[in-house]
N, C-alpha and C. Protein backbone atom coordinates (compact mmCIF):
# COMPACT_ATOMS: atom_id res chain seq x y z
N THR A 1 -12.55 12.39 5.79
CA THR A 1 -13.12 13.28 4.78
C THR A 1 -14.51 13.18 4.54
N GLY A 2 -15.33 13.85 4.06
CA GLY A 2 -16.84 13.68 3.98
C GLY A 2 -17.17 12.44 3.04
N ALA A 3 -18.67 12.45 2.90
CA ALA A 3 -18.97 11.56 1.77
C ALA A 3 -18.65 12.36 0.53
N CYS A 4 -18.54 11.47 -0.62
CA CYS A 4 -18.27 11.96 -2.38
C CYS A 4 -17.28 12.70 -2.10
N THR A 5 -16.20 12.78 -1.20
CA THR A 5 -15.15 13.82 -1.36
C THR A 5 -14.05 13.21 -2.35
N GLU A 6 -13.29 14.03 -3.17
CA GLU A 6 -12.50 13.27 -4.13
C GLU A 6 -10.94 14.37 -3.89
N VAL A 7 -9.88 13.32 -3.21
CA VAL A 7 -8.77 13.63 -2.88
C VAL A 7 -7.50 13.46 -3.70
N VAL A 8 -6.83 14.33 -3.95
CA VAL A 8 -5.89 14.01 -5.01
C VAL A 8 -4.42 14.41 -4.49
N ILE A 9 -3.36 13.58 -4.48
CA ILE A 9 -1.98 13.92 -3.97
C ILE A 9 -0.91 13.35 -5.09
N LYS A 10 -0.36 14.60 -5.53
CA LYS A 10 0.20 14.28 -6.82
C LYS A 10 1.45 15.30 -6.74
N ASN A 11 2.60 14.43 -7.45
CA ASN A 11 3.92 15.27 -7.22
C ASN A 11 4.41 15.80 -5.92
N CYS A 12 4.45 15.07 -5.10
CA CYS A 12 5.06 15.37 -3.57
C CYS A 12 6.30 14.73 -3.63
N ILE A 13 7.21 15.21 -2.55
CA ILE A 13 8.15 14.70 -1.75
C ILE A 13 7.85 14.28 -0.63
N VAL A 14 8.07 13.40 0.20
CA VAL A 14 7.87 13.05 1.58
C VAL A 14 9.08 12.57 1.96
N THR A 15 10.02 12.98 2.68
CA THR A 15 11.04 12.18 3.17
C THR A 15 11.45 12.50 4.64
N ASN A 16 12.01 11.72 5.32
CA ASN A 16 12.83 11.83 6.89
C ASN A 16 11.45 11.97 7.74
N THR A 17 10.46 11.47 7.92
CA THR A 17 9.35 11.84 8.45
C THR A 17 9.32 10.35 9.47
N ALA A 18 8.73 10.85 10.68
CA ALA A 18 8.55 9.69 11.50
C ALA A 18 6.98 9.40 11.97
N PRO A 19 6.10 9.12 10.99
CA PRO A 19 4.86 8.77 11.61
C PRO A 19 4.54 7.50 11.80
N THR A 20 3.48 7.26 13.09
CA THR A 20 2.97 5.74 13.41
C THR A 20 2.58 5.44 12.12
N GLN A 21 1.53 6.04 11.46
CA GLN A 21 0.62 5.35 10.62
C GLN A 21 1.38 5.85 8.93
N GLY A 22 0.98 6.39 8.16
CA GLY A 22 1.66 6.72 6.91
C GLY A 22 2.09 7.94 6.65
N ALA A 23 3.34 8.21 6.16
CA ALA A 23 3.94 9.21 5.57
C ALA A 23 2.99 9.78 4.68
N ILE A 24 2.23 9.16 3.73
CA ILE A 24 1.45 9.75 2.95
C ILE A 24 0.05 8.95 3.63
N ASP A 25 -0.75 9.80 4.25
CA ASP A 25 -1.88 9.06 4.83
C ASP A 25 -3.21 9.53 4.64
N VAL A 26 -4.18 8.93 4.10
CA VAL A 26 -5.24 9.47 3.46
C VAL A 26 -6.74 8.61 3.80
N GLN A 27 -7.69 9.26 4.45
CA GLN A 27 -8.98 8.71 4.74
C GLN A 27 -10.04 9.22 3.98
N VAL A 28 -10.84 8.31 3.47
CA VAL A 28 -11.94 8.94 2.30
C VAL A 28 -13.20 8.48 2.86
N GLY A 29 -14.30 9.21 2.96
CA GLY A 29 -15.37 8.64 3.25
C GLY A 29 -16.54 7.90 2.02
N LYS A 30 -17.85 7.76 2.32
CA LYS A 30 -18.60 6.96 1.38
C LYS A 30 -18.87 7.42 0.39
N ASN A 31 -18.51 6.56 -0.62
CA ASN A 31 -18.45 7.04 -2.41
C ASN A 31 -17.27 7.94 -2.93
N GLY A 32 -16.61 8.25 -1.56
CA GLY A 32 -15.18 9.00 -2.19
C GLY A 32 -13.92 8.38 -3.01
N LYS A 33 -13.32 9.39 -3.55
CA LYS A 33 -11.99 8.46 -4.41
C LYS A 33 -10.84 9.25 -3.84
N ALA A 34 -9.89 9.00 -4.11
CA ALA A 34 -8.44 9.33 -3.79
C ALA A 34 -7.35 8.91 -4.88
N LEU A 35 -6.70 9.62 -5.42
CA LEU A 35 -5.74 9.58 -6.21
C LEU A 35 -4.10 9.95 -5.65
N ILE A 36 -3.49 8.71 -5.52
CA ILE A 36 -2.26 9.20 -5.01
C ILE A 36 -1.13 8.83 -6.10
N GLU A 37 -0.66 9.97 -6.85
CA GLU A 37 0.22 9.59 -7.91
C GLU A 37 1.49 10.55 -8.08
N ASN A 38 2.52 10.02 -8.47
CA ASN A 38 3.96 10.46 -8.77
C ASN A 38 4.53 10.83 -7.77
N ASN A 39 4.26 10.41 -6.64
CA ASN A 39 5.29 11.09 -5.46
C ASN A 39 6.44 10.16 -5.12
N LEU A 40 7.18 10.83 -4.35
CA LEU A 40 8.66 10.04 -4.20
C LEU A 40 8.32 10.30 -2.37
N ILE A 41 8.73 9.01 -1.89
CA ILE A 41 8.54 8.83 -0.46
C ILE A 41 9.44 8.01 -0.32
N ILE A 42 10.20 8.56 0.59
CA ILE A 42 11.66 7.76 1.08
C ILE A 42 12.40 8.21 2.25
N ASN A 43 12.60 7.20 3.06
CA ASN A 43 13.32 7.00 4.22
C ASN A 43 12.23 7.55 5.48
N ASN A 44 11.23 6.80 5.56
CA ASN A 44 9.93 7.33 6.41
C ASN A 44 9.98 6.09 7.29
N THR A 45 9.38 6.12 8.85
CA THR A 45 8.64 5.35 9.32
C THR A 45 7.53 5.12 9.06
N GLY A 46 6.91 4.04 9.83
CA GLY A 46 5.36 3.68 9.94
C GLY A 46 4.87 3.09 8.44
N GLU A 47 4.11 3.54 7.80
CA GLU A 47 3.84 3.04 6.31
C GLU A 47 4.34 4.09 5.34
N GLY A 48 4.71 3.63 4.43
CA GLY A 48 4.78 4.64 2.82
C GLY A 48 3.54 5.46 2.83
N ILE A 49 2.42 4.65 2.25
CA ILE A 49 1.37 5.04 1.93
C ILE A 49 0.44 4.38 2.75
N MET A 50 -0.69 4.95 3.26
CA MET A 50 -1.64 4.35 4.27
C MET A 50 -3.09 5.10 3.89
N CYS A 51 -3.83 3.95 3.40
CA CYS A 51 -5.27 4.49 2.59
C CYS A 51 -6.12 3.72 3.77
N LYS A 52 -7.13 4.92 4.03
CA LYS A 52 -8.11 4.37 4.94
C LYS A 52 -9.54 4.80 4.50
N SER A 53 -10.34 4.09 5.02
CA SER A 53 -11.77 4.56 4.91
C SER A 53 -12.50 4.78 6.04
N ASN A 54 -13.39 6.00 6.11
CA ASN A 54 -14.01 6.32 7.10
C ASN A 54 -15.39 5.82 6.97
N HIS A 55 -15.87 4.93 6.01
CA HIS A 55 -16.80 4.53 6.01
C HIS A 55 -16.96 3.02 5.85
N HIS A 56 -17.69 2.24 6.65
CA HIS A 56 -17.95 0.72 6.89
C HIS A 56 -18.98 0.22 6.38
N GLY A 57 -19.87 0.71 5.90
CA GLY A 57 -21.13 0.14 5.18
C GLY A 57 -21.04 -1.25 4.40
N ALA A 58 -22.20 -1.48 3.94
CA ALA A 58 -22.18 -2.55 2.98
C ALA A 58 -21.99 -2.14 1.60
N ASP A 59 -22.09 -0.87 1.03
CA ASP A 59 -21.77 -0.11 -0.04
C ASP A 59 -21.19 1.12 -0.16
N GLY A 60 -20.83 1.86 -0.92
CA GLY A 60 -20.19 2.94 -1.11
C GLY A 60 -18.94 3.23 -0.67
N HIS A 61 -18.30 1.87 -0.78
CA HIS A 61 -16.68 2.36 -0.40
C HIS A 61 -16.02 3.21 -1.17
N PRO A 62 -14.97 3.56 -0.53
CA PRO A 62 -14.13 4.66 -1.01
C PRO A 62 -13.40 3.67 -2.24
N ALA A 63 -13.05 4.24 -3.31
CA ALA A 63 -12.13 3.88 -4.35
C ALA A 63 -10.71 4.77 -4.32
N TYR A 64 -9.64 4.22 -4.33
CA TYR A 64 -8.43 4.32 -4.20
C TYR A 64 -7.82 4.12 -5.48
N THR A 65 -7.01 5.11 -6.25
CA THR A 65 -5.84 4.45 -7.13
C THR A 65 -4.36 5.19 -6.81
N VAL A 66 -3.24 4.31 -6.91
CA VAL A 66 -1.96 4.67 -6.12
C VAL A 66 -1.04 4.00 -7.29
N ARG A 67 -0.76 5.25 -8.25
CA ARG A 67 0.07 5.10 -9.39
C ARG A 67 1.19 6.03 -9.57
N ASN A 68 2.42 5.45 -10.02
CA ASN A 68 3.61 5.60 -10.60
C ASN A 68 4.17 6.65 -9.24
N ASN A 69 4.17 6.02 -8.20
CA ASN A 69 5.04 6.17 -6.84
C ASN A 69 6.14 5.68 -6.77
N THR A 70 7.14 6.13 -6.14
CA THR A 70 8.60 5.59 -5.58
C THR A 70 8.34 5.43 -4.22
N ILE A 71 8.46 4.44 -3.51
CA ILE A 71 8.52 3.99 -2.04
C ILE A 71 9.51 3.54 -1.66
N LEU A 72 10.55 4.12 -0.81
CA LEU A 72 11.64 3.47 -0.70
C LEU A 72 12.28 3.81 0.83
N PHE A 73 12.94 2.43 1.45
CA PHE A 73 13.20 2.90 2.80
C PHE A 73 12.18 3.08 3.80
N THR A 74 11.33 2.08 3.85
CA THR A 74 10.17 2.44 4.83
C THR A 74 10.18 1.56 5.89
N TRP A 75 10.63 2.34 7.49
CA TRP A 75 11.11 1.28 8.18
C TRP A 75 10.08 1.31 9.32
N LYS A 76 10.05 0.05 10.08
CA LYS A 76 9.31 0.15 11.57
C LYS A 76 9.53 1.21 12.14
N TYR A 77 8.37 1.69 13.09
CA TYR A 77 7.98 2.77 13.70
C TYR A 77 9.39 2.99 14.48
N ASP A 78 9.85 2.12 15.61
CA ASP A 78 10.92 1.90 16.20
C ASP A 78 11.48 0.59 16.26
N ALA A 79 12.48 0.44 16.67
CA ALA A 79 13.54 -1.03 16.70
C ALA A 79 12.90 -2.11 17.22
N ILE A 80 11.72 -1.71 18.36
CA ILE A 80 11.23 -3.13 18.99
C ILE A 80 9.68 -3.12 18.25
N ALA A 81 9.09 -2.18 17.68
CA ALA A 81 7.83 -2.44 17.28
C ALA A 81 7.42 -3.49 16.46
N SER A 82 6.23 -3.84 16.67
CA SER A 82 5.72 -4.87 15.73
C SER A 82 5.06 -4.07 14.54
N PHE A 83 4.90 -2.97 14.17
CA PHE A 83 3.59 -2.23 13.41
C PHE A 83 4.88 -1.11 12.33
N GLY A 84 4.37 -1.03 11.13
CA GLY A 84 4.99 -0.23 10.20
C GLY A 84 5.93 -0.76 9.30
N GLY A 85 6.66 -0.22 8.47
CA GLY A 85 7.69 -0.95 7.76
C GLY A 85 6.97 -1.58 6.64
N ASN A 86 6.01 -1.00 5.72
CA ASN A 86 5.62 -1.58 4.72
C ASN A 86 5.50 -0.06 3.50
N SER A 87 5.33 -0.45 2.25
CA SER A 87 5.30 0.49 1.45
C SER A 87 3.85 1.14 1.58
N ILE A 88 2.95 0.30 1.25
CA ILE A 88 1.66 0.42 1.23
C ILE A 88 0.69 -0.47 2.10
N MET A 89 0.04 0.09 2.92
CA MET A 89 -1.27 -0.41 3.59
C MET A 89 -2.52 0.07 3.70
N PHE A 90 -3.44 -0.66 3.61
CA PHE A 90 -4.89 -0.12 3.64
C PHE A 90 -5.85 -1.09 4.25
N ASP A 91 -6.93 -0.24 4.61
CA ASP A 91 -8.00 -0.95 5.26
C ASP A 91 -8.71 -2.05 4.59
N GLU A 92 -9.84 -2.34 5.26
CA GLU A 92 -10.91 -3.52 4.23
C GLU A 92 -11.85 -2.69 3.46
N SER A 93 -12.36 -2.08 4.11
CA SER A 93 -13.33 -1.17 3.58
C SER A 93 -12.91 -0.47 2.42
N LEU A 94 -12.71 -0.93 1.15
CA LEU A 94 -12.34 0.11 0.10
C LEU A 94 -12.05 -0.71 -1.10
N SER A 95 -11.61 -0.25 -2.19
CA SER A 95 -11.15 -0.87 -3.23
C SER A 95 -10.17 0.00 -3.44
N ILE A 96 -9.10 -0.84 -4.46
CA ILE A 96 -7.79 0.19 -4.19
C ILE A 96 -7.19 -0.49 -5.76
N LEU A 97 -6.67 0.21 -6.51
CA LEU A 97 -5.95 0.23 -7.61
C LEU A 97 -4.73 0.59 -7.39
N ILE A 98 -3.33 -0.53 -7.44
CA ILE A 98 -1.88 -0.18 -7.40
C ILE A 98 -1.07 -0.57 -8.43
N GLU A 99 -0.78 0.42 -9.12
CA GLU A 99 -0.25 0.23 -10.69
C GLU A 99 1.14 1.15 -10.82
N ASN A 100 1.98 0.24 -11.34
CA ASN A 100 3.48 1.30 -11.83
C ASN A 100 4.01 1.86 -10.86
N ASN A 101 4.28 1.18 -9.53
CA ASN A 101 5.08 2.00 -8.58
C ASN A 101 6.20 1.13 -8.47
N VAL A 102 7.27 1.89 -7.58
CA VAL A 102 8.33 0.83 -7.39
C VAL A 102 8.33 0.77 -5.76
N LEU A 103 8.39 -0.11 -5.35
CA LEU A 103 8.06 -0.50 -3.82
C LEU A 103 9.40 -1.12 -3.35
N GLY A 104 10.38 -0.55 -2.47
CA GLY A 104 11.74 -1.08 -1.85
C GLY A 104 12.11 -1.06 -0.98
N PHE A 105 13.02 -1.77 -0.32
CA PHE A 105 13.83 -1.80 0.65
C PHE A 105 12.96 -1.61 2.06
N SER A 106 11.61 -2.08 2.05
CA SER A 106 11.21 -1.94 3.69
C SER A 106 11.32 -2.76 4.69
N ASP A 107 11.37 -2.28 6.04
CA ASP A 107 11.72 -3.16 6.96
C ASP A 107 10.47 -4.62 7.05
N MET A 108 9.82 -4.66 6.72
CA MET A 108 8.81 -5.42 6.59
C MET A 108 8.18 -5.86 5.23
N GLY A 109 7.55 -5.09 4.45
CA GLY A 109 7.17 -5.76 3.03
C GLY A 109 6.65 -4.65 2.04
N GLY A 110 5.98 -5.04 0.88
CA GLY A 110 5.88 -4.07 0.04
C GLY A 110 4.35 -3.60 0.20
N ILE A 111 3.00 -4.46 0.34
CA ILE A 111 1.86 -4.25 0.36
C ILE A 111 1.39 -5.25 1.50
N ASN A 112 0.68 -4.58 2.61
CA ASN A 112 0.20 -5.25 3.90
C ASN A 112 -1.20 -5.10 3.43
N ASN A 113 -1.81 -6.49 3.11
CA ASN A 113 -3.50 -6.41 3.32
C ASN A 113 -3.63 -7.17 4.65
N ILE A 114 -3.06 -7.16 5.54
CA ILE A 114 -3.70 -7.81 6.90
C ILE A 114 -4.87 -7.68 7.19
N LYS A 115 -5.50 -6.63 6.81
CA LYS A 115 -6.97 -6.20 7.27
C LYS A 115 -7.87 -6.86 6.19
N GLN A 116 -7.37 -7.46 5.05
CA GLN A 116 -8.33 -8.01 4.34
C GLN A 116 -8.86 -7.30 3.16
N CYS A 117 -8.58 -6.28 2.81
CA CYS A 117 -9.56 -5.66 1.66
C CYS A 117 -9.63 -6.58 0.34
N LYS A 118 -11.01 -6.72 0.29
CA LYS A 118 -11.32 -7.88 -1.11
C LYS A 118 -11.35 -7.13 -2.50
N LYS A 119 -10.89 -6.00 -2.29
CA LYS A 119 -11.18 -5.49 -3.85
C LYS A 119 -9.71 -4.80 -4.02
N VAL A 120 -8.57 -5.72 -4.70
CA VAL A 120 -7.07 -5.27 -4.68
C VAL A 120 -6.63 -5.58 -6.02
N THR A 121 -6.06 -4.62 -6.68
CA THR A 121 -5.67 -5.07 -8.02
C THR A 121 -4.31 -4.29 -8.29
N LEU A 122 -3.46 -5.52 -8.54
CA LEU A 122 -1.87 -4.76 -8.50
C LEU A 122 -1.36 -5.05 -9.91
N LYS A 123 -1.12 -4.00 -10.65
CA LYS A 123 -0.53 -4.12 -11.94
C LYS A 123 0.70 -3.40 -12.17
N ASN A 124 1.43 -4.14 -12.88
CA ASN A 124 2.85 -3.84 -13.26
C ASN A 124 3.82 -2.73 -12.23
N ASN A 125 4.03 -3.21 -10.86
CA ASN A 125 4.62 -3.03 -9.78
C ASN A 125 5.71 -3.58 -9.72
N LEU A 126 6.98 -2.88 -9.34
CA LEU A 126 8.36 -3.49 -9.26
C LEU A 126 8.19 -3.58 -7.66
N PHE A 127 8.63 -4.86 -6.98
CA PHE A 127 8.93 -5.03 -5.67
C PHE A 127 10.54 -5.54 -5.43
N VAL A 128 11.39 -4.85 -4.55
CA VAL A 128 12.46 -4.99 -4.28
C VAL A 128 13.31 -4.58 -3.18
N GLY A 129 14.17 -5.79 -2.65
CA GLY A 129 14.54 -5.73 -1.33
C GLY A 129 14.01 -5.82 -0.04
N HIS A 130 12.53 -6.16 -0.19
CA HIS A 130 11.80 -6.05 1.25
C HIS A 130 12.41 -7.29 2.13
N LYS A 131 12.39 -6.92 3.47
CA LYS A 131 13.04 -7.81 4.28
C LYS A 131 11.97 -9.25 4.57
N LYS A 132 10.68 -9.13 4.48
CA LYS A 132 9.83 -10.12 5.02
C LYS A 132 9.13 -10.63 3.70
N TYR A 133 8.46 -10.04 3.16
CA TYR A 133 7.37 -10.33 2.18
C TYR A 133 7.33 -9.40 0.85
N ASP A 134 6.69 -9.41 0.02
CA ASP A 134 6.36 -8.74 -1.16
C ASP A 134 4.99 -8.42 -0.80
N TYR A 135 3.66 -9.32 -0.09
CA TYR A 135 2.46 -9.24 -0.36
C TYR A 135 2.20 -9.94 1.19
N GLN A 136 1.05 -9.28 1.75
CA GLN A 136 0.91 -10.01 3.06
C GLN A 136 -0.87 -10.00 3.06
N GLU A 137 -1.17 -10.97 3.13
CA GLU A 137 -2.98 -11.12 3.67
C GLU A 137 -3.20 -11.61 5.07
N PHE A 138 -2.30 -12.39 5.50
CA PHE A 138 -2.51 -12.89 7.08
C PHE A 138 -1.21 -12.74 7.39
N GLY A 139 -0.96 -13.74 8.53
CA GLY A 139 0.15 -13.63 9.53
C GLY A 139 1.26 -13.91 8.60
N THR A 140 1.30 -14.57 7.42
CA THR A 140 2.42 -15.30 6.73
C THR A 140 2.33 -13.98 5.20
N GLY A 141 3.52 -13.62 5.06
CA GLY A 141 3.89 -13.01 4.06
C GLY A 141 4.28 -13.87 2.92
N LEU A 142 3.90 -13.37 1.69
CA LEU A 142 4.09 -13.76 0.28
C LEU A 142 5.06 -13.21 -0.69
N LYS A 143 5.66 -14.01 -1.32
CA LYS A 143 6.52 -13.63 -2.59
C LYS A 143 5.66 -13.43 -3.68
N LEU A 144 5.86 -12.47 -4.85
CA LEU A 144 4.96 -12.32 -5.73
C LEU A 144 4.78 -13.61 -6.61
N ASP A 145 5.65 -14.66 -6.75
CA ASP A 145 5.44 -16.01 -7.48
C ASP A 145 4.38 -17.03 -6.58
N GLU A 146 4.26 -16.43 -5.32
CA GLU A 146 3.13 -17.25 -4.50
C GLU A 146 1.63 -16.52 -4.68
N LEU A 147 1.52 -15.45 -4.91
CA LEU A 147 0.19 -14.53 -5.39
C LEU A 147 -0.88 -15.60 -5.83
N GLU A 148 -0.35 -15.99 -6.70
CA GLU A 148 -1.66 -16.76 -7.63
C GLU A 148 -2.18 -17.89 -6.87
N ASP A 149 -1.41 -18.54 -6.10
CA ASP A 149 -1.79 -19.89 -5.45
C ASP A 149 -2.34 -19.59 -4.05
N TYR A 150 -1.77 -18.43 -3.55
CA TYR A 150 -2.26 -18.37 -2.00
C TYR A 150 -2.78 -17.08 -1.60
N ALA A 151 -3.04 -16.10 -2.29
CA ALA A 151 -3.52 -14.72 -2.19
C ALA A 151 -5.09 -14.87 -2.66
N ASN A 152 -5.85 -14.47 -1.48
CA ASN A 152 -7.42 -15.00 -1.65
C ASN A 152 -7.67 -13.42 -2.27
N TYR A 153 -7.37 -12.33 -2.15
CA TYR A 153 -8.08 -10.87 -2.46
C TYR A 153 -7.53 -10.11 -3.43
N VAL A 154 -6.59 -10.74 -4.34
CA VAL A 154 -5.91 -10.12 -5.40
C VAL A 154 -6.53 -10.16 -6.50
N SER A 155 -7.53 -9.31 -7.34
CA SER A 155 -7.97 -9.59 -8.34
C SER A 155 -7.30 -10.29 -9.45
N ALA A 156 -7.81 -10.70 -10.17
CA ALA A 156 -7.52 -11.64 -11.56
C ALA A 156 -7.32 -10.70 -12.39
N ALA A 157 -7.75 -9.36 -12.33
CA ALA A 157 -6.86 -8.33 -13.21
C ALA A 157 -5.73 -7.71 -13.27
N SER A 158 -5.12 -8.56 -12.01
CA SER A 158 -3.94 -7.93 -11.65
C SER A 158 -3.02 -8.78 -12.44
N GLY A 159 -1.49 -8.16 -12.85
CA GLY A 159 -0.57 -8.66 -13.47
C GLY A 159 0.49 -7.70 -13.76
N GLY A 160 1.53 -8.44 -14.60
CA GLY A 160 2.60 -7.70 -14.68
C GLY A 160 3.53 -7.38 -13.66
N ASN A 161 3.25 -7.62 -12.27
CA ASN A 161 4.29 -7.42 -11.11
C ASN A 161 5.64 -8.18 -11.30
N TYR A 162 6.82 -7.54 -10.75
CA TYR A 162 7.85 -8.24 -10.77
C TYR A 162 8.29 -7.69 -9.67
N SER A 163 9.75 -8.91 -9.38
CA SER A 163 10.59 -8.72 -8.24
C SER A 163 11.72 -8.67 -8.99
N GLN A 164 13.04 -7.71 -8.50
CA GLN A 164 14.10 -7.72 -8.79
C GLN A 164 15.04 -8.11 -7.66
N GLU A 165 15.98 -8.95 -7.66
CA GLU A 165 16.85 -9.35 -6.56
C GLU A 165 18.02 -8.50 -6.88
N ILE A 166 18.60 -8.16 -5.78
CA ILE A 166 19.48 -7.31 -5.77
C ILE A 166 20.75 -7.91 -4.94
N LYS A 167 21.86 -7.84 -5.50
CA LYS A 167 23.09 -8.62 -5.28
C LYS A 167 24.17 -7.65 -4.84
């Protein structure tokens, strides 16, 4: 989308899709905003939600709010693929607030920040049953209790996230 665009994706059900990127895949331009709220994203390949920036300048990065979504059973694109399988993934050149989401049972993890976005806030999210990690910034995935010690780009305003073990 173009500069200063505002996008709202709200109250949708996305299920049984097979994209290589996001079941919900949004790209916003300079000074743009996106709200992704109250969606059910279940049983998809690729990423549950993919947030992208189409502006890579020094300022004017898009701002995303990802709130009150349920993202379950996100699979790798195919059995031998080395990509996909995360509840949420995003580009470097944006700011993102991820709050009050249920992120569960992904082939890889809950949140993939491998592109190392420097403006990430995580608040009150439930992480459950991911195969590899809850959060990833580098090649190594982290569990929630390791974020404070090892995550470089999660904002100090983050908090209230929790993980539930399923037996």
